[in-house]
Amino acid sequence: MGFALWIDDDMAWAEGLHEYRPMGVAVIAATDRFRPRDFDRRRPAPPLAPHTYAGLFASVGDLNAWLRRRARTPSP
């Protein structure tokens, strides 16, 4: 499994692969948590211009842990 994550001000986009097959794209509120059922192969990838690439993650749990840490860290 592998997931790429992009963050917008109030939205989080993830694109996932499972055993080299695309799971699709999921978009949620940046304060929410991803679930496997959020991913849809028919959903287009996020537009790249306004989003900040956050990194690659090994599981949905890793994505959610990163989002939780981000929510606890105060913004400058």
Foldseek 3Di string as FASTA:
>chain_A
DKWWWKDAPFKIKIWDDDPNHTLAMAMDTLLDADDSVRHDNPDDHDDPVRIHTDGMDDDSVRVRVVSVVVVPDDDD
